[in-house]
Amino acid sequence: MNKDVQYFLNRRRLNIDIGFRCPLQCPKCQRQHGHLNHGMKVPGYDLSLNEIDKISNFYNEINFCGQLSDPIHHPKFIEILKMLYEKKCGVYVHNASSHKPFDYYIKCFKAHPLAGWIFGIDGLPEESCLYRINQDGEKLFKIMCESKKYLKEPPTWQYIVFRYNENHIDQAKEMASKAGVKFLLYFSSRWSSDDDIYKPKNPKVSQNAKI
């Protein structure tokens, strides 16, 4: 049997939110829109190493894509990556926060060099903060490029299309190509109305159609 087919037949994948911390204030995020904007605390807690160890006994691939948190802000995230690497557990890390220093990221990359990293930079690096409020997109772009030195596979630049960046897609694709990173477009449908300031004007984009 083809190795790729065998892998997918045996894959047991889990997406998990391992904490409750994120310094970003993305307007459409469940964290912001569903809790903080209503004066509510963000629910959840930091999963322990023991809990994650148990989870990895049942799943051979873990996707750290937080709905309420950014995984890099778990206080033991580096230890988590090391443990999962030693257990040969596949990992995908979705990161949009830029609030950790460069050396922290390097430690993460070294802890699990087989991990796949997906960086949420919505638009050109200097404009991503228009949605990813409090994000330093230029810093995160540099970190994304730096990660190639430590990871087996190139990282992915995830780009959600909004009104402010809908005309910059080709430029971003060219930047990704020059940087040697993968490029992934996301088309959102979280619009409050046709007048939503984030909703693209191009109807093909706002209807989730590929451009």
N, C-alpha and C. Protein backbone atom coordinates (compact mmCIF):
# COMPACT_ATOMS: atom_id res chain seq x y z
N MET A 1 0.85 -1.20 0.00
CA MET A 1 0.00 0.00 0.00
C MET A 1 0.88 1.25 0.00
N ASN A 2 0.47 2.26 -0.76
CA ASN A 2 1.18 3.53 -0.80
C ASN A 2 1.34 4.10 0.60
N LYS A 3 2.55 4.64 0.91
CA LYS A 3 2.83 5.16 2.25
C LYS A 3 1.89 6.29 2.64
N ASP A 4 1.58 7.17 1.67
CA ASP A 4 0.68 8.29 1.97
C ASP A 4 -0.72 7.79 2.31
N VAL A 5 -1.19 6.79 1.57
CA VAL A 5 -2.51 6.23 1.84
C VAL A 5 -2.53 5.57 3.21
N GLN A 6 -1.48 4.82 3.51
CA GLN A 6 -1.38 4.15 4.80
C GLN A 6 -1.38 5.15 5.94
N TYR A 7 -0.68 6.29 5.74
CA TYR A 7 -0.62 7.32 6.78
C TYR A 7 -2.01 7.87 7.09
N PHE A 8 -2.77 8.20 6.04
CA PHE A 8 -4.08 8.79 6.27
C PHE A 8 -5.06 7.78 6.85
N LEU A 9 -4.90 6.50 6.52
CA LEU A 9 -5.75 5.48 7.11
C LEU A 9 -5.49 5.32 8.60
N ASN A 10 -4.26 5.55 8.99
CA ASN A 10 -3.87 5.39 10.39
C ASN A 10 -3.92 6.69 11.19
N ARG A 11 -4.22 7.80 10.53
CA ARG A 11 -4.18 9.09 11.21
C ARG A 11 -5.34 9.25 12.17
N ARG A 12 -5.03 9.63 13.39
CA ARG A 12 -6.02 9.95 14.41
C ARG A 12 -5.71 11.36 14.88
N ARG A 13 -6.44 12.32 14.34
CA ARG A 13 -6.09 13.73 14.52
C ARG A 13 -7.06 14.43 15.45
N LEU A 14 -6.52 15.32 16.29
CA LEU A 14 -7.34 16.09 17.22
C LEU A 14 -6.94 17.56 17.17
N ASN A 15 -7.94 18.44 17.06
CA ASN A 15 -7.68 19.87 17.20
C ASN A 15 -8.00 20.25 18.64
N ILE A 16 -7.11 21.02 19.25
CA ILE A 16 -7.27 21.28 20.67
C ILE A 16 -6.83 22.70 21.03
N ASP A 17 -7.54 23.28 21.99
CA ASP A 17 -7.19 24.58 22.58
C ASP A 17 -6.55 24.26 23.92
N ILE A 18 -5.28 24.55 24.09
CA ILE A 18 -4.57 24.10 25.30
C ILE A 18 -4.50 25.15 26.40
N GLY A 19 -5.07 26.32 26.17
CA GLY A 19 -5.01 27.37 27.18
C GLY A 19 -6.11 28.40 27.00
N PHE A 20 -5.87 29.60 27.50
CA PHE A 20 -6.88 30.66 27.44
C PHE A 20 -6.25 32.03 27.17
N ARG A 21 -4.94 32.06 26.88
CA ARG A 21 -4.24 33.34 26.74
C ARG A 21 -4.02 33.71 25.27
N CYS A 22 -4.23 34.97 24.97
CA CYS A 22 -3.84 35.54 23.68
C CYS A 22 -3.91 37.06 23.79
N PRO A 23 -2.84 37.77 23.43
CA PRO A 23 -2.84 39.23 23.56
C PRO A 23 -3.51 39.95 22.39
N LEU A 24 -3.88 39.21 21.36
CA LEU A 24 -4.52 39.84 20.20
C LEU A 24 -6.00 40.12 20.48
N GLN A 25 -6.56 41.03 19.71
CA GLN A 25 -7.97 41.40 19.87
C GLN A 25 -8.67 41.38 18.52
N CYS A 26 -8.57 40.25 17.83
CA CYS A 26 -9.18 40.10 16.50
C CYS A 26 -10.70 40.21 16.63
N PRO A 27 -11.34 41.16 15.93
CA PRO A 27 -12.76 41.45 16.14
C PRO A 27 -13.71 40.27 15.92
N LYS A 28 -13.39 39.37 15.01
CA LYS A 28 -14.30 38.27 14.70
C LYS A 28 -13.97 37.00 15.49
N CYS A 29 -12.95 37.05 16.30
CA CYS A 29 -12.52 35.87 17.06
C CYS A 29 -13.54 35.54 18.14
N GLN A 30 -13.73 34.25 18.37
CA GLN A 30 -14.65 33.81 19.42
C GLN A 30 -14.27 34.38 20.77
N ARG A 31 -12.98 34.50 21.00
CA ARG A 31 -12.47 35.03 22.26
C ARG A 31 -12.95 36.47 22.47
N GLN A 32 -12.80 37.28 21.44
CA GLN A 32 -13.14 38.70 21.54
C GLN A 32 -14.64 38.92 21.38
N HIS A 33 -15.18 38.38 20.28
CA HIS A 33 -16.58 38.62 19.92
C HIS A 33 -17.55 37.92 20.87
N GLY A 34 -17.15 36.73 21.32
CA GLY A 34 -18.07 35.95 22.13
C GLY A 34 -17.94 36.14 23.63
N HIS A 35 -16.81 36.71 24.08
CA HIS A 35 -16.60 36.81 25.52
C HIS A 35 -16.19 38.23 25.97
N LEU A 36 -15.00 38.67 25.54
CA LEU A 36 -14.46 39.92 26.07
C LEU A 36 -15.34 41.13 25.74
N ASN A 37 -15.93 41.14 24.56
CA ASN A 37 -16.79 42.28 24.18
C ASN A 37 -18.05 42.36 25.04
N HIS A 38 -18.36 41.28 25.71
CA HIS A 38 -19.54 41.24 26.58
C HIS A 38 -19.17 41.29 28.05
N GLY A 39 -17.90 41.64 28.32
CA GLY A 39 -17.47 41.76 29.69
C GLY A 39 -17.30 40.42 30.40
N MET A 40 -17.18 39.35 29.61
CA MET A 40 -17.05 38.01 30.18
C MET A 40 -15.60 37.56 30.15
N LYS A 41 -15.21 36.77 31.15
CA LYS A 41 -13.87 36.20 31.16
C LYS A 41 -13.78 35.10 30.10
N VAL A 42 -12.58 34.93 29.57
CA VAL A 42 -12.34 33.85 28.63
C VAL A 42 -12.25 32.55 29.42
N PRO A 43 -13.08 31.56 29.10
CA PRO A 43 -13.05 30.31 29.85
C PRO A 43 -11.84 29.45 29.51
N GLY A 44 -11.62 28.45 30.33
CA GLY A 44 -10.55 27.51 30.04
C GLY A 44 -9.42 27.58 31.03
N TYR A 45 -8.45 26.69 30.85
CA TYR A 45 -7.27 26.62 31.72
C TYR A 45 -6.14 26.01 30.91
N ASP A 46 -4.93 26.06 31.46
CA ASP A 46 -3.78 25.46 30.80
C ASP A 46 -3.78 23.95 31.02
N LEU A 47 -3.88 23.20 29.94
CA LEU A 47 -3.80 21.76 30.07
C LEU A 47 -2.43 21.38 30.61
N SER A 48 -2.39 20.39 31.47
CA SER A 48 -1.13 19.95 32.06
C SER A 48 -0.37 19.04 31.10
N LEU A 49 0.92 18.88 31.37
CA LEU A 49 1.72 17.96 30.56
C LEU A 49 1.16 16.55 30.65
N ASN A 50 0.68 16.19 31.82
CA ASN A 50 0.13 14.85 32.01
C ASN A 50 -1.12 14.65 31.15
N GLU A 51 -1.97 15.69 31.09
CA GLU A 51 -3.19 15.59 30.27
C GLU A 51 -2.85 15.46 28.79
N ILE A 52 -1.88 16.24 28.35
CA ILE A 52 -1.50 16.17 26.93
C ILE A 52 -0.81 14.85 26.62
N ASP A 53 -0.06 14.34 27.57
CA ASP A 53 0.58 13.04 27.41
C ASP A 53 -0.49 11.97 27.20
N LYS A 54 -1.54 12.01 28.01
CA LYS A 54 -2.63 11.04 27.89
C LYS A 54 -3.33 11.17 26.53
N ILE A 55 -3.56 12.41 26.12
CA ILE A 55 -4.22 12.64 24.83
C ILE A 55 -3.41 12.03 23.69
N SER A 56 -2.10 12.20 23.77
CA SER A 56 -1.23 11.71 22.70
C SER A 56 -1.13 10.19 22.68
N ASN A 57 -1.66 9.52 23.69
CA ASN A 57 -1.72 8.06 23.66
C ASN A 57 -2.85 7.56 22.75
N PHE A 58 -3.79 8.46 22.46
CA PHE A 58 -4.94 8.09 21.64
C PHE A 58 -4.93 8.75 20.26
N TYR A 59 -4.17 9.84 20.13
CA TYR A 59 -4.08 10.56 18.86
C TYR A 59 -2.63 10.66 18.42
N ASN A 60 -2.39 10.41 17.14
CA ASN A 60 -1.00 10.48 16.64
C ASN A 60 -0.72 11.77 15.89
N GLU A 61 -1.70 12.69 15.88
CA GLU A 61 -1.49 13.99 15.27
C GLU A 61 -2.33 15.01 16.01
N ILE A 62 -1.69 16.07 16.51
CA ILE A 62 -2.40 17.09 17.28
C ILE A 62 -2.26 18.44 16.60
N ASN A 63 -3.40 19.09 16.42
CA ASN A 63 -3.47 20.38 15.77
C ASN A 63 -3.73 21.44 16.83
N PHE A 64 -2.73 22.28 17.09
CA PHE A 64 -2.88 23.36 18.07
C PHE A 64 -3.40 24.60 17.36
N CYS A 65 -4.72 24.63 17.19
CA CYS A 65 -5.36 25.78 16.54
C CYS A 65 -6.39 26.33 17.51
N GLY A 66 -5.99 27.27 18.33
CA GLY A 66 -6.85 27.77 19.39
C GLY A 66 -8.00 28.62 18.89
N GLN A 67 -9.16 28.41 19.49
CA GLN A 67 -10.31 29.27 19.24
C GLN A 67 -10.40 30.36 20.30
N LEU A 68 -9.76 30.12 21.43
CA LEU A 68 -9.76 31.08 22.53
C LEU A 68 -8.36 31.52 22.92
N SER A 69 -7.35 30.85 22.39
CA SER A 69 -5.98 31.15 22.81
C SER A 69 -5.01 30.93 21.66
N ASP A 70 -3.80 31.45 21.84
CA ASP A 70 -2.72 31.14 20.92
C ASP A 70 -1.81 30.16 21.65
N PRO A 71 -1.51 29.01 21.04
CA PRO A 71 -0.76 27.96 21.76
C PRO A 71 0.60 28.38 22.29
N ILE A 72 1.24 29.37 21.65
CA ILE A 72 2.59 29.73 22.11
C ILE A 72 2.57 30.36 23.50
N HIS A 73 1.38 30.74 23.99
CA HIS A 73 1.30 31.37 25.31
C HIS A 73 1.02 30.38 26.44
N HIS A 74 0.94 29.11 26.09
CA HIS A 74 0.89 28.10 27.16
C HIS A 74 2.25 28.12 27.86
N PRO A 75 2.28 28.20 29.19
CA PRO A 75 3.56 28.35 29.91
C PRO A 75 4.54 27.19 29.72
N LYS A 76 4.05 26.03 29.25
CA LYS A 76 4.94 24.88 29.06
C LYS A 76 4.89 24.37 27.62
N PHE A 77 4.70 25.30 26.70
CA PHE A 77 4.53 24.88 25.31
C PHE A 77 5.79 24.21 24.75
N ILE A 78 6.95 24.72 25.11
CA ILE A 78 8.19 24.11 24.63
C ILE A 78 8.31 22.67 25.14
N GLU A 79 7.98 22.46 26.41
CA GLU A 79 8.01 21.11 26.97
C GLU A 79 7.00 20.20 26.28
N ILE A 80 5.84 20.77 25.93
CA ILE A 80 4.82 19.99 25.22
C ILE A 80 5.36 19.52 23.87
N LEU A 81 6.00 20.44 23.15
CA LEU A 81 6.55 20.09 21.84
C LEU A 81 7.63 19.01 21.97
N LYS A 82 8.49 19.15 22.96
CA LYS A 82 9.55 18.16 23.16
C LYS A 82 8.95 16.78 23.44
N MET A 83 7.96 16.75 24.30
CA MET A 83 7.34 15.48 24.66
C MET A 83 6.69 14.81 23.45
N LEU A 84 5.97 15.60 22.65
CA LEU A 84 5.29 15.04 21.49
C LEU A 84 6.28 14.60 20.42
N TYR A 85 7.40 15.30 20.32
CA TYR A 85 8.44 14.88 19.37
C TYR A 85 9.03 13.53 19.79
N GLU A 86 9.28 13.39 21.07
CA GLU A 86 9.84 12.14 21.58
C GLU A 86 8.87 10.98 21.40
N LYS A 87 7.56 11.29 21.43
CA LYS A 87 6.55 10.25 21.27
C LYS A 87 6.18 10.04 19.79
N LYS A 88 6.89 10.76 18.91
CA LYS A 88 6.64 10.66 17.46
C LYS A 88 5.19 11.02 17.11
N CYS A 89 4.69 12.01 17.81
CA CYS A 89 3.33 12.50 17.57
C CYS A 89 3.41 13.71 16.64
N GLY A 90 2.66 13.67 15.56
CA GLY A 90 2.64 14.78 14.62
C GLY A 90 2.01 16.02 15.23
N VAL A 91 2.50 17.19 14.83
CA VAL A 91 2.02 18.44 15.42
C VAL A 91 1.87 19.51 14.34
N TYR A 92 0.79 20.29 14.46
CA TYR A 92 0.61 21.50 13.65
C TYR A 92 0.33 22.65 14.61
N VAL A 93 1.05 23.74 14.44
CA VAL A 93 0.92 24.90 15.33
C VAL A 93 0.39 26.09 14.54
N HIS A 94 -0.76 26.61 14.94
CA HIS A 94 -1.33 27.80 14.33
C HIS A 94 -1.02 28.99 15.23
N ASN A 95 -0.27 29.94 14.69
CA ASN A 95 0.22 31.05 15.51
C ASN A 95 -0.06 32.39 14.83
N ALA A 96 -0.66 33.30 15.59
CA ALA A 96 -0.88 34.66 15.09
C ALA A 96 -0.29 35.70 16.03
N SER A 97 -0.17 35.35 17.30
CA SER A 97 0.43 36.27 18.26
C SER A 97 1.92 36.45 17.96
N SER A 98 2.39 37.67 18.13
CA SER A 98 3.81 37.96 17.89
C SER A 98 4.51 38.38 19.18
N HIS A 99 3.90 38.06 20.31
CA HIS A 99 4.34 38.62 21.59
C HIS A 99 5.38 37.78 22.33
N LYS A 100 6.02 36.88 21.64
CA LYS A 100 7.12 36.14 22.24
C LYS A 100 8.41 36.55 21.52
N PRO A 101 9.55 36.52 22.25
CA PRO A 101 10.82 36.91 21.61
C PRO A 101 11.30 35.87 20.61
N PHE A 102 12.23 36.28 19.76
CA PHE A 102 12.77 35.41 18.72
C PHE A 102 13.32 34.11 19.31
N ASP A 103 14.08 34.23 20.41
CA ASP A 103 14.72 33.04 20.95
C ASP A 103 13.71 32.02 21.47
N TYR A 104 12.54 32.49 21.89
CA TYR A 104 11.49 31.56 22.31
C TYR A 104 11.03 30.73 21.12
N TYR A 105 10.83 31.39 20.00
CA TYR A 105 10.42 30.66 18.79
C TYR A 105 11.47 29.64 18.36
N ILE A 106 12.72 30.03 18.43
CA ILE A 106 13.80 29.12 18.04
C ILE A 106 13.76 27.86 18.90
N LYS A 107 13.52 28.04 20.19
CA LYS A 107 13.42 26.89 21.10
C LYS A 107 12.23 26.00 20.72
N CYS A 108 11.13 26.63 20.31
CA CYS A 108 9.96 25.86 19.87
C CYS A 108 10.28 25.05 18.61
N PHE A 109 10.92 25.69 17.65
CA PHE A 109 11.25 25.01 16.39
C PHE A 109 12.19 23.83 16.65
N LYS A 110 13.15 24.03 17.53
CA LYS A 110 14.11 22.97 17.83
C LYS A 110 13.47 21.84 18.63
N ALA A 111 12.45 22.18 19.42
CA ALA A 111 11.81 21.18 20.27
C ALA A 111 11.07 20.12 19.45
N HIS A 112 10.51 20.53 18.32
CA HIS A 112 9.79 19.58 17.45
C HIS A 112 10.04 20.00 16.00
N PRO A 113 11.19 19.63 15.45
CA PRO A 113 11.53 20.08 14.09
C PRO A 113 10.64 19.51 12.99
N LEU A 114 9.82 18.50 13.32
CA LEU A 114 8.92 17.93 12.33
C LEU A 114 7.55 18.60 12.35
N ALA A 115 7.35 19.53 13.26
CA ALA A 115 6.05 20.21 13.37
C ALA A 115 5.78 21.08 12.16
N GLY A 116 4.51 21.19 11.82
CA GLY A 116 4.10 22.12 10.77
C GLY A 116 3.62 23.41 11.42
N TRP A 117 4.13 24.53 10.96
CA TRP A 117 3.74 25.82 11.53
C TRP A 117 2.94 26.61 10.52
N ILE A 118 1.82 27.18 10.98
CA ILE A 118 0.95 28.01 10.14
C ILE A 118 0.86 29.37 10.81
N PHE A 119 1.34 30.39 10.11
CA PHE A 119 1.38 31.74 10.68
C PHE A 119 0.24 32.59 10.11
N GLY A 120 -0.59 33.13 11.00
CA GLY A 120 -1.71 33.96 10.59
C GLY A 120 -1.29 35.41 10.40
N ILE A 121 -1.01 35.76 9.14
CA ILE A 121 -0.64 37.14 8.79
C ILE A 121 -1.61 37.56 7.69
N ASP A 122 -2.63 38.31 8.08
CA ASP A 122 -3.74 38.60 7.16
C ASP A 122 -3.51 39.89 6.38
N GLY A 123 -2.85 39.71 5.26
CA GLY A 123 -2.48 40.85 4.43
C GLY A 123 -0.97 40.97 4.38
N LEU A 124 -0.49 42.06 3.82
CA LEU A 124 0.95 42.31 3.84
C LEU A 124 1.36 42.47 5.31
N PRO A 125 2.58 42.11 5.66
CA PRO A 125 2.97 42.11 7.08
C PRO A 125 2.67 43.40 7.82
N GLU A 126 2.85 44.53 7.15
CA GLU A 126 2.65 45.82 7.84
C GLU A 126 1.18 46.18 8.03
N GLU A 127 0.27 45.48 7.34
CA GLU A 127 -1.15 45.82 7.46
C GLU A 127 -1.97 44.76 8.20
N SER A 128 -1.36 43.65 8.52
CA SER A 128 -2.09 42.57 9.18
C SER A 128 -2.72 43.02 10.50
N CYS A 129 -2.09 43.98 11.16
CA CYS A 129 -2.58 44.47 12.45
C CYS A 129 -3.93 45.18 12.34
N LEU A 130 -4.37 45.48 11.12
CA LEU A 130 -5.68 46.12 10.96
C LEU A 130 -6.80 45.18 11.38
N TYR A 131 -6.56 43.89 11.29
CA TYR A 131 -7.50 42.91 11.83
C TYR A 131 -6.91 42.23 13.06
N ARG A 132 -5.66 41.77 12.93
CA ARG A 132 -4.98 41.12 14.06
C ARG A 132 -4.47 42.21 15.00
N ILE A 133 -5.41 42.82 15.69
CA ILE A 133 -5.08 43.97 16.54
C ILE A 133 -4.07 43.57 17.63
N ASN A 134 -3.03 44.36 17.75
CA ASN A 134 -1.89 44.15 18.66
C ASN A 134 -0.81 43.25 18.06
N GLN A 135 -1.01 42.77 16.85
CA GLN A 135 0.01 41.93 16.22
C GLN A 135 1.08 42.78 15.55
N ASP A 136 2.33 42.35 15.65
CA ASP A 136 3.43 42.93 14.88
C ASP A 136 3.65 41.99 13.69
N GLY A 137 2.97 42.27 12.60
CA GLY A 137 3.02 41.38 11.43
C GLY A 137 4.39 41.30 10.80
N GLU A 138 5.13 42.39 10.83
CA GLU A 138 6.47 42.38 10.24
C GLU A 138 7.41 41.48 11.04
N LYS A 139 7.28 41.54 12.36
CA LYS A 139 8.08 40.66 13.21
C LYS A 139 7.72 39.20 12.97
N LEU A 140 6.42 38.92 12.89
CA LEU A 140 5.98 37.54 12.70
C LEU A 140 6.41 37.00 11.34
N PHE A 141 6.43 37.86 10.33
CA PHE A 141 6.90 37.44 9.01
C PHE A 141 8.37 37.03 9.08
N LYS A 142 9.17 37.81 9.81
CA LYS A 142 10.59 37.47 9.96
C LYS A 142 10.76 36.15 10.70
N ILE A 143 9.93 35.94 11.72
CA ILE A 143 9.99 34.68 12.47
C ILE A 143 9.62 33.52 11.56
N MET A 144 8.59 33.71 10.76
CA MET A 144 8.17 32.67 9.82
C MET A 144 9.31 32.30 8.87
N CYS A 145 9.99 33.29 8.35
CA CYS A 145 11.12 33.04 7.44
C CYS A 145 12.27 32.35 8.18
N GLU A 146 12.51 32.75 9.41
CA GLU A 146 13.59 32.18 10.21
C GLU A 146 13.32 30.71 10.52
N SER A 147 12.05 30.34 10.64
CA SER A 147 11.71 28.97 11.02
C SER A 147 12.21 27.93 10.02
N LYS A 148 12.42 28.33 8.79
CA LYS A 148 12.87 27.39 7.75
C LYS A 148 14.22 26.77 8.10
N LYS A 149 15.01 27.47 8.90
CA LYS A 149 16.33 26.96 9.27
C LYS A 149 16.24 25.76 10.23
N TYR A 150 15.09 25.62 10.88
CA TYR A 150 14.98 24.64 11.95
C TYR A 150 13.92 23.55 11.69
N LEU A 151 12.99 23.81 10.81
CA LEU A 151 11.90 22.87 10.54
C LEU A 151 12.18 22.06 9.28
N LYS A 152 11.71 20.82 9.28
CA LYS A 152 11.92 19.96 8.13
C LYS A 152 11.14 20.45 6.91
N GLU A 153 9.90 20.91 7.15
CA GLU A 153 9.03 21.39 6.08
C GLU A 153 8.86 22.91 6.17
N PRO A 154 8.75 23.59 5.03
CA PRO A 154 8.54 25.04 5.05
C PRO A 154 7.26 25.41 5.78
N PRO A 155 7.24 26.53 6.48
CA PRO A 155 6.03 26.97 7.16
C PRO A 155 4.99 27.48 6.16
N THR A 156 3.79 27.72 6.67
CA THR A 156 2.69 28.21 5.83
C THR A 156 2.27 29.60 6.27
N TRP A 157 2.12 30.48 5.29
CA TRP A 157 1.57 31.82 5.53
C TRP A 157 0.07 31.74 5.27
N GLN A 158 -0.73 31.86 6.33
CA GLN A 158 -2.19 31.86 6.19
C GLN A 158 -2.69 33.30 6.08
N TYR A 159 -3.45 33.55 5.04
CA TYR A 159 -3.87 34.92 4.70
C TYR A 159 -5.40 34.93 4.57
N ILE A 160 -6.09 35.49 5.58
CA ILE A 160 -7.54 35.65 5.48
C ILE A 160 -7.82 36.92 4.69
N VAL A 161 -8.73 36.82 3.72
CA VAL A 161 -9.00 37.95 2.84
C VAL A 161 -10.02 38.89 3.48
N PHE A 162 -9.62 40.16 3.63
CA PHE A 162 -10.50 41.21 4.14
C PHE A 162 -10.51 42.37 3.13
N ARG A 163 -11.33 43.36 3.42
CA ARG A 163 -11.45 44.50 2.51
C ARG A 163 -10.11 45.22 2.35
N TYR A 164 -9.38 45.36 3.44
CA TYR A 164 -8.14 46.13 3.38
C TYR A 164 -7.00 45.40 2.66
N ASN A 165 -7.15 44.07 2.47
CA ASN A 165 -6.04 43.34 1.84
C ASN A 165 -6.43 42.59 0.57
N GLU A 166 -7.69 42.74 0.13
CA GLU A 166 -8.15 41.94 -1.01
C GLU A 166 -7.41 42.25 -2.31
N ASN A 167 -6.81 43.43 -2.40
CA ASN A 167 -6.08 43.79 -3.61
C ASN A 167 -4.57 43.56 -3.49
N HIS A 168 -4.17 42.93 -2.41
CA HIS A 168 -2.73 42.70 -2.19
C HIS A 168 -2.36 41.22 -2.25
N ILE A 169 -3.28 40.39 -2.71
CA ILE A 169 -3.05 38.94 -2.70
C ILE A 169 -1.88 38.55 -3.60
N ASP A 170 -1.84 39.09 -4.81
CA ASP A 170 -0.76 38.74 -5.73
C ASP A 170 0.60 39.16 -5.17
N GLN A 171 0.64 40.34 -4.56
CA GLN A 171 1.89 40.81 -3.97
C GLN A 171 2.34 39.89 -2.84
N ALA A 172 1.37 39.46 -2.02
CA ALA A 172 1.69 38.56 -0.92
C ALA A 172 2.16 37.20 -1.44
N LYS A 173 1.53 36.71 -2.49
CA LYS A 173 1.95 35.43 -3.08
C LYS A 173 3.39 35.51 -3.57
N GLU A 174 3.73 36.64 -4.17
CA GLU A 174 5.09 36.83 -4.66
C GLU A 174 6.08 36.88 -3.49
N MET A 175 5.68 37.55 -2.41
CA MET A 175 6.55 37.60 -1.22
C MET A 175 6.76 36.20 -0.64
N ALA A 176 5.68 35.41 -0.61
CA ALA A 176 5.78 34.05 -0.08
C ALA A 176 6.70 33.20 -0.94
N SER A 177 6.58 33.36 -2.25
CA SER A 177 7.42 32.60 -3.16
C SER A 177 8.90 32.94 -2.97
N LYS A 178 9.18 34.23 -2.86
CA LYS A 178 10.57 34.67 -2.66
C LYS A 178 11.11 34.20 -1.31
N ALA A 179 10.23 34.14 -0.31
CA ALA A 179 10.65 33.74 1.03
C ALA A 179 10.76 32.23 1.17
N GLY A 180 10.20 31.51 0.20
CA GLY A 180 10.26 30.05 0.27
C GLY A 180 9.30 29.44 1.27
N VAL A 181 8.13 30.10 1.44
CA VAL A 181 7.11 29.57 2.36
C VAL A 181 5.83 29.26 1.58
N LYS A 182 5.03 28.38 2.13
CA LYS A 182 3.75 28.05 1.50
C LYS A 182 2.77 29.20 1.71
N PHE A 183 1.78 29.29 0.83
CA PHE A 183 0.81 30.38 0.92
C PHE A 183 -0.59 29.79 0.89
N LEU A 184 -1.40 30.14 1.89
CA LEU A 184 -2.75 29.60 2.01
C LEU A 184 -3.76 30.73 2.18
N LEU A 185 -4.68 30.84 1.23
CA LEU A 185 -5.74 31.85 1.31
C LEU A 185 -6.94 31.28 2.05
N TYR A 186 -7.50 32.08 2.93
CA TYR A 186 -8.73 31.71 3.62
C TYR A 186 -9.81 32.73 3.26
N PHE A 187 -11.02 32.24 3.03
CA PHE A 187 -12.14 33.11 2.70
C PHE A 187 -13.17 33.02 3.81
N SER A 188 -13.35 34.10 4.53
CA SER A 188 -14.23 34.11 5.68
C SER A 188 -15.68 34.35 5.28
N SER A 189 -16.59 34.01 6.19
CA SER A 189 -18.01 34.32 6.01
C SER A 189 -18.57 34.97 7.27
N ARG A 190 -17.70 35.43 8.14
CA ARG A 190 -18.13 36.01 9.42
C ARG A 190 -18.44 37.50 9.28
N TRP A 191 -19.31 37.83 8.36
CA TRP A 191 -19.63 39.24 8.16
C TRP A 191 -20.92 39.59 8.89
N SER A 192 -20.93 40.69 9.61
CA SER A 192 -22.12 41.11 10.35
C SER A 192 -23.19 41.65 9.41
N SER A 193 -22.77 42.24 8.28
CA SER A 193 -23.70 42.78 7.29
C SER A 193 -22.90 43.14 6.03
N ASP A 194 -23.59 43.61 5.01
CA ASP A 194 -22.89 44.04 3.80
C ASP A 194 -22.03 45.27 4.04
N ASP A 195 -22.33 45.99 5.13
CA ASP A 195 -21.58 47.20 5.46
C ASP A 195 -20.40 46.90 6.39
N ASP A 196 -20.20 45.64 6.71
CA ASP A 196 -19.09 45.26 7.59
C ASP A 196 -17.79 45.80 7.01
N ILE A 197 -17.03 46.52 7.82
CA ILE A 197 -15.81 47.18 7.32
C ILE A 197 -14.74 46.18 6.90
N TYR A 198 -14.87 44.92 7.34
CA TYR A 198 -13.88 43.92 6.98
C TYR A 198 -14.29 43.10 5.75
N LYS A 199 -15.56 43.20 5.35
CA LYS A 199 -16.05 42.38 4.24
C LYS A 199 -15.47 42.87 2.91
N PRO A 200 -14.83 41.99 2.14
CA PRO A 200 -14.25 42.41 0.85
C PRO A 200 -15.32 42.98 -0.08
N LYS A 201 -14.93 43.93 -0.90
CA LYS A 201 -15.86 44.51 -1.86
C LYS A 201 -16.06 43.60 -3.07
N ASN A 202 -15.03 42.82 -3.39
CA ASN A 202 -15.12 41.88 -4.50
C ASN A 202 -16.11 40.78 -4.13
N PRO A 203 -17.25 40.67 -4.83
CA PRO A 203 -18.26 39.68 -4.46
C PRO A 203 -17.76 38.24 -4.52
N LYS A 204 -16.80 37.98 -5.38
CA LYS A 204 -16.26 36.62 -5.47
C LYS A 204 -15.56 36.24 -4.17
N VAL A 205 -14.93 37.23 -3.55
CA VAL A 205 -14.23 36.98 -2.30
C VAL A 205 -15.24 36.84 -1.16
N SER A 206 -16.21 37.75 -1.08
CA SER A 206 -17.17 37.73 0.01
C SER A 206 -18.07 36.51 -0.02
N GLN A 207 -18.17 35.86 -1.18
CA GLN A 207 -18.98 34.64 -1.30
C GLN A 207 -18.11 33.39 -1.19
N ASN A 208 -16.89 33.57 -0.72
CA ASN A 208 -15.98 32.44 -0.49
C ASN A 208 -15.54 31.74 -1.77
N ALA A 209 -15.63 32.43 -2.89
CA ALA A 209 -15.18 31.82 -4.15
C ALA A 209 -13.69 32.05 -4.32
N LYS A 210 -13.05 31.10 -4.98
CA LYS A 210 -11.61 31.26 -5.24
C LYS A 210 -11.42 32.31 -6.33
N ILE A 211 -10.35 33.08 -6.17
CA ILE A 211 -10.05 34.12 -7.17
C ILE A 211 -9.13 33.55 -8.24
